[in-house]
Amino acid sequence: VIDLPLATIQKGFELAEPGDTLFLLPGRFTGSP
């Protein structure tokens, strides 16, 4: 849900399955997933 986003790209990929899209909302993401 766009109003309840995840914090990290890492977590998004843990949840992702084939066909899923991980949308990065505007902002600066730090670290190296």
PDB file of all heavy atoms in Angstrom:
ATOM      1  N   VAL A   1       0.866  -1.174   0.000  1.00  0.00           N
ATOM      2  CA  VAL A   1       0.000   0.000   0.000  1.00  0.00           C
ATOM      3  C   VAL A   1       0.905   1.228   0.000  1.00  0.00           C
ATOM      4  O   VAL A   1       1.834   1.308   0.810  1.00  0.00           O
ATOM      5  CB  VAL A   1      -0.917   0.020   1.254  1.00  0.00           C
ATOM      6  CG1 VAL A   1      -1.787   1.250   1.285  1.00  0.00           C
ATOM      7  CG2 VAL A   1      -1.738  -1.258   1.315  1.00  0.00           C
ATOM      8  N   ILE A   2       0.660   2.173  -0.884  1.00  0.00           N
ATOM      9  CA  ILE A   2       1.553   3.324  -1.015  1.00  0.00           C
ATOM     10  C   ILE A   2       1.672   4.125   0.276  1.00  0.00           C
ATOM     11  O   ILE A   2       2.713   4.701   0.568  1.00  0.00           O
ATOM     12  CB  ILE A   2       1.128   4.216  -2.214  1.00  0.00           C
ATOM     13  CG1 ILE A   2       2.269   5.166  -2.588  1.00  0.00           C
ATOM     14  CG2 ILE A   2      -0.167   4.951  -1.903  1.00  0.00           C
ATOM     15  CD1 ILE A   2       2.089   5.841  -3.922  1.00  0.00           C
ATOM     16  N   ASP A   3       0.627   4.143   1.100  1.00  0.00           N
ATOM     17  CA  ASP A   3       0.664   4.884   2.363  1.00  0.00           C
ATOM     18  C   ASP A   3       1.393   4.136   3.476  1.00  0.00           C
ATOM     19  O   ASP A   3       1.643   4.694   4.538  1.00  0.00           O
ATOM     20  CB  ASP A   3      -0.762   5.212   2.832  1.00  0.00           C
ATOM     21  CG  ASP A   3      -1.457   6.191   1.894  1.00  0.00           C
ATOM     22  OD1 ASP A   3      -0.758   6.986   1.231  1.00  0.00           O
ATOM     23  OD2 ASP A   3      -2.692   6.152   1.820  1.00  0.00           O
ATOM     24  N   LEU A   4       1.728   2.872   3.255  1.00  0.00           N
ATOM     25  CA  LEU A   4       2.463   2.065   4.242  1.00  0.00           C
ATOM     26  C   LEU A   4       3.664   1.409   3.561  1.00  0.00           C
ATOM     27  O   LEU A   4       3.753   0.180   3.448  1.00  0.00           O
ATOM     28  CB  LEU A   4       1.550   0.998   4.850  1.00  0.00           C
ATOM     29  CG  LEU A   4       0.358   1.507   5.656  1.00  0.00           C
ATOM     30  CD1 LEU A   4      -0.590   0.365   5.996  1.00  0.00           C
ATOM     31  CD2 LEU A   4       0.840   2.214   6.921  1.00  0.00           C
ATOM     32  N   PRO A   5       4.633   2.229   3.100  1.00  0.00           N
ATOM     33  CA  PRO A   5       5.751   1.667   2.337  1.00  0.00           C
ATOM     34  C   PRO A   5       6.779   0.958   3.208  1.00  0.00           C
ATOM     35  O   PRO A   5       6.874   1.190   4.421  1.00  0.00           O
ATOM     36  CB  PRO A   5       6.375   2.911   1.690  1.00  0.00           C
ATOM     37  CG  PRO A   5       6.103   4.006   2.670  1.00  0.00           C
ATOM     38  CD  PRO A   5       4.730   3.681   3.241  1.00  0.00           C
ATOM     39  N   LEU A   6       7.535   0.108   2.575  1.00  0.00           N
ATOM     40  CA  LEU A   6       8.702  -0.504   3.199  1.00  0.00           C
ATOM     41  C   LEU A   6       9.803   0.555   3.298  1.00  0.00           C
ATOM     42  O   LEU A   6       9.741   1.580   2.616  1.00  0.00           O
ATOM     43  CB  LEU A   6       9.197  -1.677   2.355  1.00  0.00           C
ATOM     44  CG  LEU A   6       8.218  -2.833   2.160  1.00  0.00           C
ATOM     45  CD1 LEU A   6       8.701  -3.766   1.049  1.00  0.00           C
ATOM     46  CD2 LEU A   6       8.029  -3.583   3.458  1.00  0.00           C
ATOM     47  N   ALA A   7      10.833   0.280   4.089  1.00  0.00           N
ATOM     48  CA  ALA A   7      11.939   1.223   4.242  1.00  0.00           C
ATOM     49  C   ALA A   7      13.141   0.875   3.368  1.00  0.00           C
ATOM     50  O   ALA A   7      13.885   1.757   2.967  1.00  0.00           O
ATOM     51  CB  ALA A   7      12.378   1.288   5.701  1.00  0.00           C
ATOM     52  N   THR A   8      13.328  -0.418   3.069  1.00  0.00           N
ATOM     53  CA  THR A   8      14.553  -0.811   2.370  1.00  0.00           C
ATOM     54  C   THR A   8      14.274  -1.616   1.101  1.00  0.00           C
ATOM     55  O   THR A   8      13.318  -2.391   1.026  1.00  0.00           O
ATOM     56  CB  THR A   8      15.471  -1.643   3.284  1.00  0.00           C
ATOM     57  OG1 THR A   8      14.814  -2.867   3.620  1.00  0.00           O
ATOM     58  CG2 THR A   8      15.850  -0.877   4.551  1.00  0.00           C
ATOM     59  N   ILE A   9      15.153  -1.419   0.157  1.00  0.00           N
ATOM     60  CA  ILE A   9      15.098  -2.175  -1.096  1.00  0.00           C
ATOM     61  C   ILE A   9      15.319  -3.658  -0.787  1.00  0.00           C
ATOM     62  O   ILE A   9      14.672  -4.523  -1.377  1.00  0.00           O
ATOM     63  CB  ILE A   9      16.164  -1.647  -2.070  1.00  0.00           C
ATOM     64  CG1 ILE A   9      15.843  -0.185  -2.443  1.00  0.00           C
ATOM     65  CG2 ILE A   9      16.259  -2.520  -3.309  1.00  0.00           C
ATOM     66  CD1 ILE A   9      16.975   0.540  -3.141  1.00  0.00           C
ATOM     67  N   GLN A  10      16.190  -3.927   0.151  1.00  0.00           N
ATOM     68  CA  GLN A  10      16.482  -5.308   0.557  1.00  0.00           C
ATOM     69  C   GLN A  10      15.197  -6.040   0.952  1.00  0.00           C
ATOM     70  O   GLN A  10      14.938  -7.154   0.507  1.00  0.00           O
ATOM     71  CB  GLN A  10      17.466  -5.286   1.735  1.00  0.00           C
ATOM     72  CG  GLN A  10      17.987  -6.624   2.135  1.00  0.00           C
ATOM     73  CD  GLN A  10      19.149  -7.073   1.267  1.00  0.00           C
ATOM     74  OE1 GLN A  10      19.915  -6.264   0.776  1.00  0.00           O
ATOM     75  NE2 GLN A  10      19.258  -8.366   1.087  1.00  0.00           N
ATOM     76  N   LYS A  11      14.389  -5.425   1.790  1.00  0.00           N
ATOM     77  CA  LYS A  11      13.141  -6.042   2.241  1.00  0.00           C
ATOM     78  C   LYS A  11      12.180  -6.236   1.064  1.00  0.00           C
ATOM     79  O   LYS A  11      11.503  -7.269   0.961  1.00  0.00           O
ATOM     80  CB  LYS A  11      12.486  -5.197   3.345  1.00  0.00           C
ATOM     81  CG  LYS A  11      11.230  -5.821   3.909  1.00  0.00           C
ATOM     82  CD  LYS A  11      11.514  -7.143   4.608  1.00  0.00           C
ATOM     83  CE  LYS A  11      10.273  -7.677   5.281  1.00  0.00           C
ATOM     84  NZ  LYS A  11      10.500  -8.920   5.985  1.00  0.00           N
ATOM     85  N   GLY A  12      12.119  -5.251   0.175  1.00  0.00           N
ATOM     86  CA  GLY A  12      11.267  -5.385  -1.004  1.00  0.00           C
ATOM     87  C   GLY A  12      11.630  -6.604  -1.835  1.00  0.00           C
ATOM     88  O   GLY A  12      10.761  -7.364  -2.263  1.00  0.00           O
ATOM     89  N   PHE A  13      12.930  -6.823  -2.032  1.00  0.00           N
ATOM     90  CA  PHE A  13      13.357  -7.989  -2.803  1.00  0.00           C
ATOM     91  C   PHE A  13      13.106  -9.289  -2.055  1.00  0.00           C
ATOM     92  O   PHE A  13      12.825 -10.313  -2.671  1.00  0.00           O
ATOM     93  CB  PHE A  13      14.822  -7.880  -3.218  1.00  0.00           C
ATOM     94  CG  PHE A  13      14.986  -7.224  -4.560  1.00  0.00           C
ATOM     95  CD1 PHE A  13      15.381  -5.913  -4.664  1.00  0.00           C
ATOM     96  CD2 PHE A  13      14.722  -7.923  -5.729  1.00  0.00           C
ATOM     97  CE1 PHE A  13      15.529  -5.304  -5.888  1.00  0.00           C
ATOM     98  CE2 PHE A  13      14.852  -7.329  -6.973  1.00  0.00           C
ATOM     99  CZ  PHE A  13      15.265  -6.012  -7.055  1.00  0.00           C
ATOM    100  N   GLU A  14      13.180  -9.278  -0.748  1.00  0.00           N
ATOM    101  CA  GLU A  14      12.857 -10.489   0.012  1.00  0.00           C
ATOM    102  C   GLU A  14      11.407 -10.904  -0.221  1.00  0.00           C
ATOM    103  O   GLU A  14      11.090 -12.087  -0.291  1.00  0.00           O
ATOM    104  CB  GLU A  14      13.091 -10.258   1.502  1.00  0.00           C
ATOM    105  CG  GLU A  14      14.546 -10.203   1.892  1.00  0.00           C
ATOM    106  CD  GLU A  14      14.746  -9.807   3.347  1.00  0.00           C
ATOM    107  OE1 GLU A  14      13.777  -9.846   4.147  1.00  0.00           O
ATOM    108  OE2 GLU A  14      15.887  -9.450   3.695  1.00  0.00           O
ATOM    109  N   LEU A  15      10.509  -9.929  -0.364  1.00  0.00           N
ATOM    110  CA  LEU A  15       9.089 -10.212  -0.557  1.00  0.00           C
ATOM    111  C   LEU A  15       8.725 -10.498  -2.017  1.00  0.00           C
ATOM    112  O   LEU A  15       7.724 -11.156  -2.287  1.00  0.00           O
ATOM    113  CB  LEU A  15       8.248  -9.024  -0.069  1.00  0.00           C
ATOM    114  CG  LEU A  15       8.343  -8.701   1.419  1.00  0.00           C
ATOM    115  CD1 LEU A  15       7.625  -7.386   1.716  1.00  0.00           C
ATOM    116  CD2 LEU A  15       7.788  -9.827   2.265  1.00  0.00           C
ATOM    117  N   ALA A  16       9.514 -10.000  -2.939  1.00  0.00           N
ATOM    118  CA  ALA A  16       9.160 -10.038  -4.368  1.00  0.00           C
ATOM    119  C   ALA A  16       9.141 -11.447  -4.944  1.00  0.00           C
ATOM    120  O   ALA A  16       9.972 -12.288  -4.619  1.00  0.00           O
ATOM    121  CB  ALA A  16      10.122  -9.172  -5.164  1.00  0.00           C
ATOM    122  N   GLU A  17       8.181 -11.642  -5.817  1.00  0.00           N
ATOM    123  CA  GLU A  17       8.031 -12.865  -6.595  1.00  0.00           C
ATOM    124  C   GLU A  17       8.041 -12.482  -8.078  1.00  0.00           C
ATOM    125  O   GLU A  17       7.882 -11.314  -8.420  1.00  0.00           O
ATOM    126  CB  GLU A  17       6.696 -13.551  -6.249  1.00  0.00           C
ATOM    127  CG  GLU A  17       6.599 -14.013  -4.798  1.00  0.00           C
ATOM    128  CD  GLU A  17       7.559 -15.132  -4.466  1.00  0.00           C
ATOM    129  OE1 GLU A  17       7.900 -15.927  -5.363  1.00  0.00           O
ATOM    130  OE2 GLU A  17       7.980 -15.209  -3.296  1.00  0.00           O
ATOM    131  N   PRO A  18       8.204 -13.442  -8.988  1.00  0.00           N
ATOM    132  CA  PRO A  18       8.187 -13.114 -10.413  1.00  0.00           C
ATOM    133  C   PRO A  18       6.948 -12.294 -10.795  1.00  0.00           C
ATOM    134  O   PRO A  18       5.835 -12.603 -10.366  1.00  0.00           O
ATOM    135  CB  PRO A  18       8.177 -14.491 -11.096  1.00  0.00           C
ATOM    136  CG  PRO A  18       8.895 -15.370 -10.122  1.00  0.00           C
ATOM    137  CD  PRO A  18       8.448 -14.879  -8.764  1.00  0.00           C
ATOM    138  N   GLY A  19       7.177 -11.230 -11.547  1.00  0.00           N
ATOM    139  CA  GLY A  19       6.096 -10.355 -11.999  1.00  0.00           C
ATOM    140  C   GLY A  19       5.849  -9.166 -11.089  1.00  0.00           C
ATOM    141  O   GLY A  19       5.136  -8.233 -11.460  1.00  0.00           O
ATOM    142  N   ASP A  20       6.429  -9.163  -9.903  1.00  0.00           N
ATOM    143  CA  ASP A  20       6.215  -8.056  -8.965  1.00  0.00           C
ATOM    144  C   ASP A  20       7.057  -6.847  -9.353  1.00  0.00           C
ATOM    145  O   ASP A  20       8.123  -6.980  -9.960  1.00  0.00           O
ATOM    146  CB  ASP A  20       6.570  -8.468  -7.539  1.00  0.00           C
ATOM    147  CG  ASP A  20       5.586  -9.468  -6.946  1.00  0.00           C
ATOM    148  OD1 ASP A  20       4.530  -9.712  -7.558  1.00  0.00           O
ATOM    149  OD2 ASP A  20       5.888 -10.014  -5.862  1.00  0.00           O
ATOM    150  N   THR A  21       6.573  -5.665  -8.965  1.00  0.00           N
ATOM    151  CA  THR A  21       7.301  -4.422  -9.182  1.00  0.00           C
ATOM    152  C   THR A  21       7.557  -3.756  -7.845  1.00  0.00           C
ATOM    153  O   THR A  21       6.643  -3.633  -7.020  1.00  0.00           O
ATOM    154  CB  THR A  21       6.508  -3.465 -10.100  1.00  0.00           C
ATOM    155  OG1 THR A  21       6.311  -4.107 -11.365  1.00  0.00           O
ATOM    156  CG2 THR A  21       7.262  -2.158 -10.320  1.00  0.00           C
ATOM    157  N   LEU A  22       8.802  -3.345  -7.635  1.00  0.00           N
ATOM    158  CA  LEU A  22       9.198  -2.607  -6.447  1.00  0.00           C
ATOM    159  C   LEU A  22       9.325  -1.144  -6.853  1.00  0.00           C
ATOM    160  O   LEU A  22      10.217  -0.791  -7.625  1.00  0.00           O
ATOM    161  CB  LEU A  22      10.528  -3.113  -5.908  1.00  0.00           C
ATOM    162  CG  LEU A  22      10.644  -4.617  -5.671  1.00  0.00           C
ATOM    163  CD1 LEU A  22      12.056  -4.978  -5.239  1.00  0.00           C
ATOM    164  CD2 LEU A  22       9.631  -5.075  -4.644  1.00  0.00           C
ATOM    165  N   PHE A  23       8.424  -0.300  -6.373  1.00  0.00           N
ATOM    166  CA  PHE A  23       8.450   1.119  -6.708  1.00  0.00           C
ATOM    167  C   PHE A  23       9.194   1.888  -5.629  1.00  0.00           C
ATOM    168  O   PHE A  23       8.823   1.848  -4.451  1.00  0.00           O
ATOM    169  CB  PHE A  23       7.026   1.678  -6.824  1.00  0.00           C
ATOM    170  CG  PHE A  23       6.323   1.295  -8.086  1.00  0.00           C
ATOM    171  CD1 PHE A  23       5.294   0.370  -8.060  1.00  0.00           C
ATOM    172  CD2 PHE A  23       6.678   1.862  -9.296  1.00  0.00           C
ATOM    173  CE1 PHE A  23       4.628   0.015  -9.219  1.00  0.00           C
ATOM    174  CE2 PHE A  23       6.029   1.506 -10.466  1.00  0.00           C
ATOM    175  CZ  PHE A  23       4.997   0.584 -10.431  1.00  0.00           C
ATOM    176  N   LEU A  24      10.239   2.590  -6.029  1.00  0.00           N
ATOM    177  CA  LEU A  24      10.961   3.461  -5.111  1.00  0.00           C
ATOM    178  C   LEU A  24      10.295   4.832  -5.149  1.00  0.00           C
ATOM    179  O   LEU A  24      10.271   5.492  -6.190  1.00  0.00           O
ATOM    180  CB  LEU A  24      12.427   3.592  -5.519  1.00  0.00           C
ATOM    181  CG  LEU A  24      13.259   2.314  -5.509  1.00  0.00           C
ATOM    182  CD1 LEU A  24      14.696   2.610  -5.913  1.00  0.00           C
ATOM    183  CD2 LEU A  24      13.212   1.642  -4.149  1.00  0.00           C
ATOM    184  N   LEU A  25       9.735   5.243  -4.027  1.00  0.00           N
ATOM    185  CA  LEU A  25       9.123   6.559  -3.952  1.00  0.00           C
ATOM    186  C   LEU A  25      10.240   7.603  -3.930  1.00  0.00           C
ATOM    187  O   LEU A  25      11.381   7.293  -3.580  1.00  0.00           O
ATOM    188  CB  LEU A  25       8.229   6.645  -2.722  1.00  0.00           C
ATOM    189  CG  LEU A  25       7.054   5.651  -2.727  1.00  0.00           C
ATOM    190  CD1 LEU A  25       6.277   5.716  -1.421  1.00  0.00           C
ATOM    191  CD2 LEU A  25       6.133   5.884  -3.905  1.00  0.00           C
ATOM    192  N   PRO A  26       9.957   8.849  -4.321  1.00  0.00           N
ATOM    193  CA  PRO A  26      11.013   9.856  -4.374  1.00  0.00           C
ATOM    194  C   PRO A  26      11.760   9.974  -3.049  1.00  0.00           C
ATOM    195  O   PRO A  26      11.166   9.891  -1.972  1.00  0.00           O
ATOM    196  CB  PRO A  26      10.253  11.151  -4.697  1.00  0.00           C
ATOM    197  CG  PRO A  26       9.045  10.680  -5.449  1.00  0.00           C
ATOM    198  CD  PRO A  26       8.670   9.379  -4.779  1.00  0.00           C
ATOM    199  N   GLY A  27      13.062  10.139  -3.148  1.00  0.00           N
ATOM    200  CA  GLY A  27      13.899  10.272  -1.971  1.00  0.00           C
ATOM    201  C   GLY A  27      15.260   9.661  -2.204  1.00  0.00           C
ATOM    202  O   GLY A  27      15.583   9.207  -3.302  1.00  0.00           O
ATOM    203  N   ARG A  28      16.051   9.634  -1.164  1.00  0.00           N
ATOM    204  CA  ARG A  28      17.423   9.141  -1.216  1.00  0.00           C
ATOM    205  C   ARG A  28      17.536   7.864  -0.374  1.00  0.00           C
ATOM    206  O   ARG A  28      17.250   7.873   0.815  1.00  0.00           O
ATOM    207  CB  ARG A  28      18.355  10.218  -0.655  1.00  0.00           C
ATOM    208  CG  ARG A  28      19.798   9.905  -0.761  1.00  0.00           C
ATOM    209  CD  ARG A  28      20.617  11.134  -0.306  1.00  0.00           C
ATOM    210  NE  ARG A  28      21.810  10.701   0.354  1.00  0.00           N
ATOM    211  CZ  ARG A  28      21.971  10.604   1.666  1.00  0.00           C
ATOM    212  NH1 ARG A  28      21.027  10.938   2.486  1.00  0.00           N
ATOM    213  NH2 ARG A  28      23.102  10.176   2.172  1.00  0.00           N
ATOM    214  N   PHE A  29      17.959   6.795  -1.022  1.00  0.00           N
ATOM    215  CA  PHE A  29      18.158   5.504  -0.370  1.00  0.00           C
ATOM    216  C   PHE A  29      19.653   5.302  -0.160  1.00  0.00           C
ATOM    217  O   PHE A  29      20.429   5.437  -1.106  1.00  0.00           O
ATOM    218  CB  PHE A  29      17.584   4.370  -1.226  1.00  0.00           C
ATOM    219  CG  PHE A  29      16.095   4.458  -1.397  1.00  0.00           C
ATOM    220  CD1 PHE A  29      15.539   5.265  -2.371  1.00  0.00           C
ATOM    221  CD2 PHE A  29      15.250   3.761  -0.551  1.00  0.00           C
ATOM    222  CE1 PHE A  29      14.164   5.364  -2.519  1.00  0.00           C
ATOM    223  CE2 PHE A  29      13.879   3.847  -0.691  1.00  0.00           C
ATOM    224  CZ  PHE A  29      13.331   4.653  -1.669  1.00  0.00           C
ATOM    225  N   THR A  30      20.052   4.976   1.063  1.00  0.00           N
ATOM    226  CA  THR A  30      21.467   4.799   1.357  1.00  0.00           C
ATOM    227  C   THR A  30      21.778   3.326   1.556  1.00  0.00           C
ATOM    228  O   THR A  30      20.894   2.504   1.765  1.00  0.00           O
ATOM    229  CB  THR A  30      21.863   5.593   2.619  1.00  0.00           C
ATOM    230  OG1 THR A  30      21.048   5.150   3.704  1.00  0.00           O
ATOM    231  CG2 THR A  30      21.675   7.086   2.409  1.00  0.00           C
ATOM    232  N   GLY A  31      23.058   3.042   1.502  1.00  0.00           N
ATOM    233  CA  GLY A  31      23.476   1.663   1.669  1.00  0.00           C
ATOM    234  C   GLY A  31      23.639   0.977   0.332  1.00  0.00           C
ATOM    235  O   GLY A  31      23.459   1.571  -0.722  1.00  0.00           O
ATOM    236  N   SER A  32      24.008  -0.262   0.374  1.00  0.00           N
ATOM    237  CA  SER A  32      24.216  -1.063  -0.831  1.00  0.00           C
ATOM    238  C   SER A  32      23.406  -2.340  -0.717  1.00  0.00           C
ATOM    239  O   SER A  32      23.874  -3.326  -0.146  1.00  0.00           O
ATOM    240  CB  SER A  32      25.703  -1.405  -0.999  1.00  0.00           C
ATOM    241  OG  SER A  32      26.464  -0.249  -1.161  1.00  0.00           O
ATOM    242  N   PRO A  33      22.178  -2.352  -1.241  1.00  0.00           N
ATOM    243  CA  PRO A  33      21.389  -3.584  -1.160  1.00  0.00           C
ATOM    244  C   PRO A  33      22.132  -4.758  -1.796  1.00  0.00           C
ATOM    245  O   PRO A  33      22.718  -4.622  -2.865  1.00  0.00           O
ATOM    246  CB  PRO A  33      20.122  -3.268  -1.946  1.00  0.00           C
ATOM    247  CG  PRO A  33      20.087  -1.791  -2.090  1.00  0.00           C
ATOM    248  CD  PRO A  33      21.493  -1.301  -1.976  1.00  0.00           C
TER     249      PRO A  33
END
